[in-house]
Amino acid sequence: MNQEVGMRIQKLVRRSGMRVKDFAEKLSVTPETASRIINGKYNVSPVLAQRIADLFFTSGGFNQNRLRHSRARVCSAYLWA
């Protein structure tokens, strides 16, 4: 996985206030896998990438325009990695 994508996911997790364990549970992965995702050391499948995007970008508590832009950057980085 691209380190840039991992860094973006790490920022999203930190901003959300989630712990790695919480992130793992929401994605239905082990805490070890969640840690590897956050650190950019896990090759995320398109399905898992969509689950990550859905986790962070469907919440009503965020500015939707900003989220759409961030989602596009995360997905673009994933696709072009």
PDB file of N, CA and C in Angstrom:
ATOM      1  N   MET A   1       0.848  -1.183   0.000  1.00  0.00           N
ATOM      2  CA  MET A   1       0.000   0.000   0.000  1.00  0.00           C
ATOM      3  C   MET A   1       0.887   1.237   0.000  1.00  0.00           C
ATOM      4  N   ASN A   2       0.417   2.233  -0.616  1.00  0.00           N
ATOM      5  CA  ASN A   2       1.132   3.493  -0.706  1.00  0.00           C
ATOM      6  C   ASN A   2       1.222   4.158   0.670  1.00  0.00           C
ATOM      7  N   GLN A   3       2.412   4.618   1.037  1.00  0.00           N
ATOM      8  CA  GLN A   3       2.621   5.282   2.323  1.00  0.00           C
ATOM      9  C   GLN A   3       1.753   6.537   2.442  1.00  0.00           C
ATOM     10  N   GLU A   4       1.553   7.229   1.344  1.00  0.00           N
ATOM     11  CA  GLU A   4       0.738   8.447   1.355  1.00  0.00           C
ATOM     12  C   GLU A   4      -0.703   8.127   1.769  1.00  0.00           C
ATOM     13  N   VAL A   5      -1.235   7.033   1.247  1.00  0.00           N
ATOM     14  CA  VAL A   5      -2.593   6.630   1.606  1.00  0.00           C
ATOM     15  C   VAL A   5      -2.643   6.272   3.091  1.00  0.00           C
ATOM     16  N   GLY A   6      -1.643   5.545   3.566  1.00  0.00           N
ATOM     17  CA  GLY A   6      -1.579   5.189   4.981  1.00  0.00           C
ATOM     18  C   GLY A   6      -1.558   6.430   5.862  1.00  0.00           C
ATOM     19  N   MET A   7      -0.803   7.433   5.448  1.00  0.00           N
ATOM     20  CA  MET A   7      -0.729   8.674   6.228  1.00  0.00           C
ATOM     21  C   MET A   7      -2.075   9.384   6.257  1.00  0.00           C
ATOM     22  N   ARG A   8      -2.785   9.372   5.154  1.00  0.00           N
ATOM     23  CA  ARG A   8      -4.104  10.002   5.107  1.00  0.00           C
ATOM     24  C   ARG A   8      -5.091   9.260   6.002  1.00  0.00           C
ATOM     25  N   ILE A   9      -5.040   7.936   5.936  1.00  0.00           N
ATOM     26  CA  ILE A   9      -5.925   7.146   6.788  1.00  0.00           C
ATOM     27  C   ILE A   9      -5.568   7.376   8.254  1.00  0.00           C
ATOM     28  N   GLN A  10      -4.288   7.445   8.547  1.00  0.00           N
ATOM     29  CA  GLN A  10      -3.846   7.703   9.916  1.00  0.00           C
ATOM     30  C   GLN A  10      -4.408   9.036  10.424  1.00  0.00           C
ATOM     31  N   LYS A  11      -4.365  10.063   9.602  1.00  0.00           N
ATOM     32  CA  LYS A  11      -4.913  11.370   9.990  1.00  0.00           C
ATOM     33  C   LYS A  11      -6.413  11.273  10.253  1.00  0.00           C
ATOM     34  N   LEU A  12      -7.114  10.544   9.393  1.00  0.00           N
ATOM     35  CA  LEU A  12      -8.557  10.389   9.576  1.00  0.00           C
ATOM     36  C   LEU A  12      -8.878   9.673  10.885  1.00  0.00           C
ATOM     37  N   VAL A  13      -8.112   8.634  11.172  1.00  0.00           N
ATOM     38  CA  VAL A  13      -8.335   7.882  12.413  1.00  0.00           C
ATOM     39  C   VAL A  13      -8.061   8.781  13.614  1.00  0.00           C
ATOM     40  N   ARG A  14      -6.964   9.510  13.581  1.00  0.00           N
ATOM     41  CA  ARG A  14      -6.626  10.412  14.694  1.00  0.00           C
ATOM     42  C   ARG A  14      -7.690  11.483  14.885  1.00  0.00           C
ATOM     43  N   ARG A  15      -8.105  12.114  13.794  1.00  0.00           N
ATOM     44  CA  ARG A  15      -9.113  13.173  13.889  1.00  0.00           C
ATOM     45  C   ARG A  15     -10.436  12.657  14.440  1.00  0.00           C
ATOM     46  N   SER A  16     -10.741  11.418  14.126  1.00  0.00           N
ATOM     47  CA  SER A  16     -12.016  10.847  14.582  1.00  0.00           C
ATOM     48  C   SER A  16     -11.983  10.502  16.066  1.00  0.00           C
ATOM     49  N   GLY A  17     -10.771  10.414  16.629  1.00  0.00           N
ATOM     50  CA  GLY A  17     -10.642  10.040  18.033  1.00  0.00           C
ATOM     51  C   GLY A  17     -10.717   8.540  18.273  1.00  0.00           C
ATOM     52  N   MET A  18     -10.773   7.771  17.203  1.00  0.00           N
ATOM     53  CA  MET A  18     -10.828   6.318  17.330  1.00  0.00           C
ATOM     54  C   MET A  18      -9.488   5.749  17.747  1.00  0.00           C
ATOM     55  N   ARG A  19      -9.545   4.678  18.478  1.00  0.00           N
ATOM     56  CA  ARG A  19      -8.343   3.899  18.762  1.00  0.00           C
ATOM     57  C   ARG A  19      -8.208   2.866  17.644  1.00  0.00           C
ATOM     58  N   VAL A  20      -7.051   2.274  17.540  1.00  0.00           N
ATOM     59  CA  VAL A  20      -6.828   1.248  16.507  1.00  0.00           C
ATOM     60  C   VAL A  20      -7.837   0.126  16.671  1.00  0.00           C
ATOM     61  N   LYS A  21      -8.100  -0.255  17.911  1.00  0.00           N
ATOM     62  CA  LYS A  21      -9.060  -1.324  18.179  1.00  0.00           C
ATOM     63  C   LYS A  21     -10.446  -0.958  17.644  1.00  0.00           C
ATOM     64  N   ASP A  22     -10.865   0.288  17.844  1.00  0.00           N
ATOM     65  CA  ASP A  22     -12.168   0.746  17.347  1.00  0.00           C
ATOM     66  C   ASP A  22     -12.211   0.716  15.820  1.00  0.00           C
ATOM     67  N   PHE A  23     -11.148   1.220  15.212  1.00  0.00           N
ATOM     68  CA  PHE A  23     -11.032   1.227  13.751  1.00  0.00           C
ATOM     69  C   PHE A  23     -11.121  -0.199  13.218  1.00  0.00           C
ATOM     70  N   ALA A  24     -10.422  -1.106  13.860  1.00  0.00           N
ATOM     71  CA  ALA A  24     -10.433  -2.515  13.455  1.00  0.00           C
ATOM     72  C   ALA A  24     -11.840  -3.100  13.536  1.00  0.00           C
ATOM     73  N   GLU A  25     -12.505  -2.844  14.644  1.00  0.00           N
ATOM     74  CA  GLU A  25     -13.856  -3.381  14.817  1.00  0.00           C
ATOM     75  C   GLU A  25     -14.813  -2.850  13.762  1.00  0.00           C
ATOM     76  N   LYS A  26     -14.717  -1.574  13.461  1.00  0.00           N
ATOM     77  CA  LYS A  26     -15.614  -0.983  12.466  1.00  0.00           C
ATOM     78  C   LYS A  26     -15.370  -1.527  11.060  1.00  0.00           C
ATOM     79  N   LEU A  27     -14.130  -1.950  10.799  1.00  0.00           N
ATOM     80  CA  LEU A  27     -13.803  -2.508   9.483  1.00  0.00           C
ATOM     81  C   LEU A  27     -13.899  -4.029   9.443  1.00  0.00           C
ATOM     82  N   SER A  28     -14.130  -4.629  10.605  1.00  0.00           N
ATOM     83  CA  SER A  28     -14.173  -6.093  10.729  1.00  0.00           C
ATOM     84  C   SER A  28     -12.838  -6.727  10.346  1.00  0.00           C
ATOM     85  N   VAL A  29     -11.764  -6.134  10.862  1.00  0.00           N
ATOM     86  CA  VAL A  29     -10.418  -6.682  10.681  1.00  0.00           C
ATOM     87  C   VAL A  29      -9.768  -6.793  12.054  1.00  0.00           C
ATOM     88  N   THR A  30      -8.653  -7.488  12.135  1.00  0.00           N
ATOM     89  CA  THR A  30      -7.942  -7.590  13.403  1.00  0.00           C
ATOM     90  C   THR A  30      -7.255  -6.267  13.714  1.00  0.00           C
ATOM     91  N   PRO A  31      -6.964  -6.027  14.994  1.00  0.00           N
ATOM     92  CA  PRO A  31      -6.208  -4.815  15.331  1.00  0.00           C
ATOM     93  C   PRO A  31      -4.847  -4.766  14.627  1.00  0.00           C
ATOM     94  N   GLU A  32      -4.235  -5.925  14.414  1.00  0.00           N
ATOM     95  CA  GLU A  32      -2.949  -5.969  13.716  1.00  0.00           C
ATOM     96  C   GLU A  32      -3.096  -5.489  12.275  1.00  0.00           C
ATOM     97  N   THR A  33      -4.151  -5.940  11.617  1.00  0.00           N
ATOM     98  CA  THR A  33      -4.403  -5.511  10.238  1.00  0.00           C
ATOM     99  C   THR A  33      -4.710  -4.015  10.200  1.00  0.00           C
ATOM    100  N   ALA A  34      -5.514  -3.540  11.150  1.00  0.00           N
ATOM    101  CA  ALA A  34      -5.828  -2.115  11.212  1.00  0.00           C
ATOM    102  C   ALA A  34      -4.558  -1.294  11.375  1.00  0.00           C
ATOM    103  N   SER A  35      -3.658  -1.747  12.221  1.00  0.00           N
ATOM    104  CA  SER A  35      -2.389  -1.050  12.435  1.00  0.00           C
ATOM    105  C   SER A  35      -1.569  -1.013  11.150  1.00  0.00           C
ATOM    106  N   ARG A  36      -1.538  -2.122  10.441  1.00  0.00           N
ATOM    107  CA  ARG A  36      -0.794  -2.167   9.180  1.00  0.00           C
ATOM    108  C   ARG A  36      -1.414  -1.241   8.140  1.00  0.00           C
ATOM    109  N   ILE A  37      -2.754  -1.151   8.118  1.00  0.00           N
ATOM    110  CA  ILE A  37      -3.433  -0.235   7.197  1.00  0.00           C
ATOM    111  C   ILE A  37      -3.026   1.199   7.514  1.00  0.00           C
ATOM    112  N   ILE A  38      -3.113   1.559   8.797  1.00  0.00           N
ATOM    113  CA  ILE A  38      -2.796   2.915   9.237  1.00  0.00           C
ATOM    114  C   ILE A  38      -1.353   3.280   8.939  1.00  0.00           C
ATOM    115  N   ASN A  39      -0.468   2.298   9.008  1.00  0.00           N
ATOM    116  CA  ASN A  39       0.958   2.551   8.771  1.00  0.00           C
ATOM    117  C   ASN A  39       1.363   2.375   7.311  1.00  0.00           C
ATOM    118  N   GLY A  40       0.387   2.119   6.427  1.00  0.00           N
ATOM    119  CA  GLY A  40       0.666   2.004   4.999  1.00  0.00           C
ATOM    120  C   GLY A  40       1.410   0.743   4.616  1.00  0.00           C
ATOM    121  N   LYS A  41       1.262  -0.302   5.420  1.00  0.00           N
ATOM    122  CA  LYS A  41       1.994  -1.546   5.163  1.00  0.00           C
ATOM    123  C   LYS A  41       1.066  -2.707   4.816  1.00  0.00           C
ATOM    124  N   TYR A  42      -0.134  -2.386   4.384  1.00  0.00           N
ATOM    125  CA  TYR A  42      -1.115  -3.418   4.054  1.00  0.00           C
ATOM    126  C   TYR A  42      -1.732  -3.086   2.711  1.00  0.00           C
ATOM    127  N   ASN A  43      -1.768  -4.055   1.824  1.00  0.00           N
ATOM    128  CA  ASN A  43      -2.387  -3.847   0.516  1.00  0.00           C
ATOM    129  C   ASN A  43      -3.894  -3.979   0.660  1.00  0.00           C
ATOM    130  N   VAL A  44      -4.555  -2.854   0.660  1.00  0.00           N
ATOM    131  CA  VAL A  44      -5.990  -2.789   0.866  1.00  0.00           C
ATOM    132  C   VAL A  44      -6.714  -3.155  -0.420  1.00  0.00           C
ATOM    133  N   SER A  45      -7.666  -4.068  -0.302  1.00  0.00           N
ATOM    134  CA  SER A  45      -8.474  -4.437  -1.463  1.00  0.00           C
ATOM    135  C   SER A  45      -9.436  -3.304  -1.787  1.00  0.00           C
ATOM    136  N   PRO A  46      -9.974  -3.287  -2.998  1.00  0.00           N
ATOM    137  CA  PRO A  46     -10.960  -2.252  -3.328  1.00  0.00           C
ATOM    138  C   PRO A  46     -12.177  -2.282  -2.394  1.00  0.00           C
ATOM    139  N   VAL A  47     -12.578  -3.467  -1.977  1.00  0.00           N
ATOM    140  CA  VAL A  47     -13.725  -3.587  -1.064  1.00  0.00           C
ATOM    141  C   VAL A  47     -13.397  -2.954   0.284  1.00  0.00           C
ATOM    142  N   LEU A  48     -12.227  -3.238   0.816  1.00  0.00           N
ATOM    143  CA  LEU A  48     -11.825  -2.655   2.094  1.00  0.00           C
ATOM    144  C   LEU A  48     -11.625  -1.151   1.960  1.00  0.00           C
ATOM    145  N   ALA A  49     -11.081  -0.706   0.843  1.00  0.00           N
ATOM    146  CA  ALA A  49     -10.916   0.737   0.604  1.00  0.00           C
ATOM    147  C   ALA A  49     -12.279   1.426   0.625  1.00  0.00           C
ATOM    148  N   GLN A  50     -13.281   0.786   0.061  1.00  0.00           N
ATOM    149  CA  GLN A  50     -14.628   1.366   0.069  1.00  0.00           C
ATOM    150  C   GLN A  50     -15.184   1.413   1.488  1.00  0.00           C
ATOM    151  N   ARG A  51     -14.935   0.358   2.282  1.00  0.00           N
ATOM    152  CA  ARG A  51     -15.401   0.352   3.674  1.00  0.00           C
ATOM    153  C   ARG A  51     -14.741   1.473   4.471  1.00  0.00           C
ATOM    154  N   ILE A  52     -13.450   1.708   4.226  1.00  0.00           N
ATOM    155  CA  ILE A  52     -12.748   2.802   4.911  1.00  0.00           C
ATOM    156  C   ILE A  52     -13.366   4.138   4.505  1.00  0.00           C
ATOM    157  N   ALA A  53     -13.588   4.322   3.207  1.00  0.00           N
ATOM    158  CA  ALA A  53     -14.191   5.565   2.724  1.00  0.00           C
ATOM    159  C   ALA A  53     -15.579   5.746   3.326  1.00  0.00           C
ATOM    160  N   ASP A  54     -16.360   4.697   3.356  1.00  0.00           N
ATOM    161  CA  ASP A  54     -17.711   4.783   3.920  1.00  0.00           C
ATOM    162  C   ASP A  54     -17.666   5.119   5.408  1.00  0.00           C
ATOM    163  N   LEU A  55     -16.702   4.569   6.109  1.00  0.00           N
ATOM    164  CA  LEU A  55     -16.569   4.820   7.541  1.00  0.00           C
ATOM    165  C   LEU A  55     -16.353   6.303   7.824  1.00  0.00           C
ATOM    166  N   PHE A  56     -15.493   6.935   7.051  1.00  0.00           N
ATOM    167  CA  PHE A  56     -15.153   8.320   7.325  1.00  0.00           C
ATOM    168  C   PHE A  56     -15.972   9.348   6.568  1.00  0.00           C
ATOM    169  N   PHE A  57     -16.567   8.972   5.458  1.00  0.00           N
ATOM    170  CA  PHE A  57     -17.178   9.974   4.604  1.00  0.00           C
ATOM    171  C   PHE A  57     -18.686   9.892   4.496  1.00  0.00           C
ATOM    172  N   THR A  58     -19.334   9.146   5.369  1.00  0.00           N
ATOM    173  CA  THR A  58     -20.793   9.126   5.366  1.00  0.00           C
ATOM    174  C   THR A  58     -21.352   9.695   6.657  1.00  0.00           C
ATOM    175  N   SER A  59     -20.481  10.130   7.545  1.00  0.00           N
ATOM    176  CA  SER A  59     -20.904  10.724   8.813  1.00  0.00           C
ATOM    177  C   SER A  59     -21.474  12.108   8.579  1.00  0.00           C
ATOM    178  N   GLY A  60     -22.595  12.407   9.212  1.00  0.00           N
ATOM    179  CA  GLY A  60     -23.220  13.712   9.072  1.00  0.00           C
ATOM    180  C   GLY A  60     -22.504  14.803   9.853  1.00  0.00           C
ATOM    181  N   GLY A  61     -21.519  14.434  10.661  1.00  0.00           N
ATOM    182  CA  GLY A  61     -20.843  15.402  11.494  1.00  0.00           C
ATOM    183  C   GLY A  61     -19.735  16.166  10.796  1.00  0.00           C
ATOM    184  N   PHE A  62     -19.492  15.900   9.523  1.00  0.00           N
ATOM    185  CA  PHE A  62     -18.409  16.544   8.793  1.00  0.00           C
ATOM    186  C   PHE A  62     -18.959  17.403   7.664  1.00  0.00           C
ATOM    187  N   ASN A  63     -18.164  18.345   7.224  1.00  0.00           N
ATOM    188  CA  ASN A  63     -18.506  19.167   6.077  1.00  0.00           C
ATOM    189  C   ASN A  63     -18.446  18.283   4.826  1.00  0.00           C
ATOM    190  N   GLN A  64     -19.578  18.135   4.143  1.00  0.00           N
ATOM    191  CA  GLN A  64     -19.671  17.196   3.032  1.00  0.00           C
ATOM    192  C   GLN A  64     -18.763  17.555   1.854  1.00  0.00           C
ATOM    193  N   ASN A  65     -18.598  18.833   1.532  1.00  0.00           N
ATOM    194  CA  ASN A  65     -17.707  19.200   0.424  1.00  0.00           C
ATOM    195  C   ASN A  65     -16.277  18.822   0.736  1.00  0.00           C
ATOM    196  N   ARG A  66     -15.849  19.104   1.945  1.00  0.00           N
ATOM    197  CA  ARG A  66     -14.491  18.744   2.347  1.00  0.00           C
ATOM    198  C   ARG A  66     -14.302  17.230   2.300  1.00  0.00           C
ATOM    199  N   LEU A  67     -15.330  16.515   2.733  1.00  0.00           N
ATOM    200  CA  LEU A  67     -15.237  15.061   2.732  1.00  0.00           C
ATOM    201  C   LEU A  67     -15.163  14.500   1.318  1.00  0.00           C
ATOM    202  N   ARG A  68     -15.963  15.040   0.424  1.00  0.00           N
ATOM    203  CA  ARG A  68     -15.906  14.557  -0.956  1.00  0.00           C
ATOM    204  C   ARG A  68     -14.512  14.750  -1.541  1.00  0.00           C
ATOM    205  N   HIS A  69     -13.910  15.907  -1.251  1.00  0.00           N
ATOM    206  CA  HIS A  69     -12.557  16.179  -1.743  1.00  0.00           C
ATOM    207  C   HIS A  69     -11.554  15.208  -1.111  1.00  0.00           C
ATOM    208  N   SER A  70     -11.651  14.999   0.193  1.00  0.00           N
ATOM    209  CA  SER A  70     -10.748  14.078   0.878  1.00  0.00           C
ATOM    210  C   SER A  70     -10.933  12.657   0.370  1.00  0.00           C
ATOM    211  N   ARG A  71     -12.189  12.261   0.176  1.00  0.00           N
ATOM    212  CA  ARG A  71     -12.468  10.908  -0.317  1.00  0.00           C
ATOM    213  C   ARG A  71     -11.855  10.713  -1.697  1.00  0.00           C
ATOM    214  N   ALA A  72     -11.981  11.719  -2.531  1.00  0.00           N
ATOM    215  CA  ALA A  72     -11.402  11.625  -3.871  1.00  0.00           C
ATOM    216  C   ALA A  72      -9.888  11.481  -3.790  1.00  0.00           C
ATOM    217  N   ARG A  73      -9.247  12.222  -2.873  1.00  0.00           N
ATOM    218  CA  ARG A  73      -7.790  12.121  -2.720  1.00  0.00           C
ATOM    219  C   ARG A  73      -7.381  10.738  -2.228  1.00  0.00           C
ATOM    220  N   VAL A  74      -8.114  10.203  -1.236  1.00  0.00           N
ATOM    221  CA  VAL A  74      -7.786   8.878  -0.718  1.00  0.00           C
ATOM    222  C   VAL A  74      -7.957   7.828  -1.800  1.00  0.00           C
ATOM    223  N   CYS A  75      -9.087   7.883  -2.495  1.00  0.00           N
ATOM    224  CA  CYS A  75      -9.342   6.899  -3.550  1.00  0.00           C
ATOM    225  C   CYS A  75      -8.349   7.049  -4.705  1.00  0.00           C
ATOM    226  N   SER A  76      -8.037   8.282  -5.070  1.00  0.00           N
ATOM    227  CA  SER A  76      -7.071   8.496  -6.149  1.00  0.00           C
ATOM    228  C   SER A  76      -5.709   7.947  -5.768  1.00  0.00           C
ATOM    229  N   ALA A  77      -5.294   8.233  -4.552  1.00  0.00           N
ATOM    230  CA  ALA A  77      -4.000   7.731  -4.104  1.00  0.00           C
ATOM    231  C   ALA A  77      -3.983   6.218  -4.104  1.00  0.00           C
ATOM    232  N   TYR A  78      -5.088   5.615  -3.708  1.00  0.00           N
ATOM    233  CA  TYR A  78      -5.170   4.149  -3.702  1.00  0.00           C
ATOM    234  C   TYR A  78      -5.084   3.614  -5.128  1.00  0.00           C
ATOM    235  N   LEU A  79      -5.839   4.201  -6.025  1.00  0.00           N
ATOM    236  CA  LEU A  79      -5.894   3.698  -7.395  1.00  0.00           C
ATOM    237  C   LEU A  79      -4.590   3.917  -8.153  1.00  0.00           C
ATOM    238  N   TRP A  80      -3.874   5.011  -7.842  1.00  0.00           N
ATOM    239  CA  TRP A  80      -2.675   5.323  -8.578  1.00  0.00           C
ATOM    240  C   TRP A  80      -1.410   4.825  -7.906  1.00  0.00           C
ATOM    241  N   ALA A  81      -1.562   4.126  -6.789  1.00  0.00           N
ATOM    242  CA  ALA A  81      -0.386   3.619  -6.053  1.00  0.00           C
ATOM    243  C   ALA A  81       0.302   2.520  -6.831  1.00  0.00           C
TER     244      ALA A  81
END
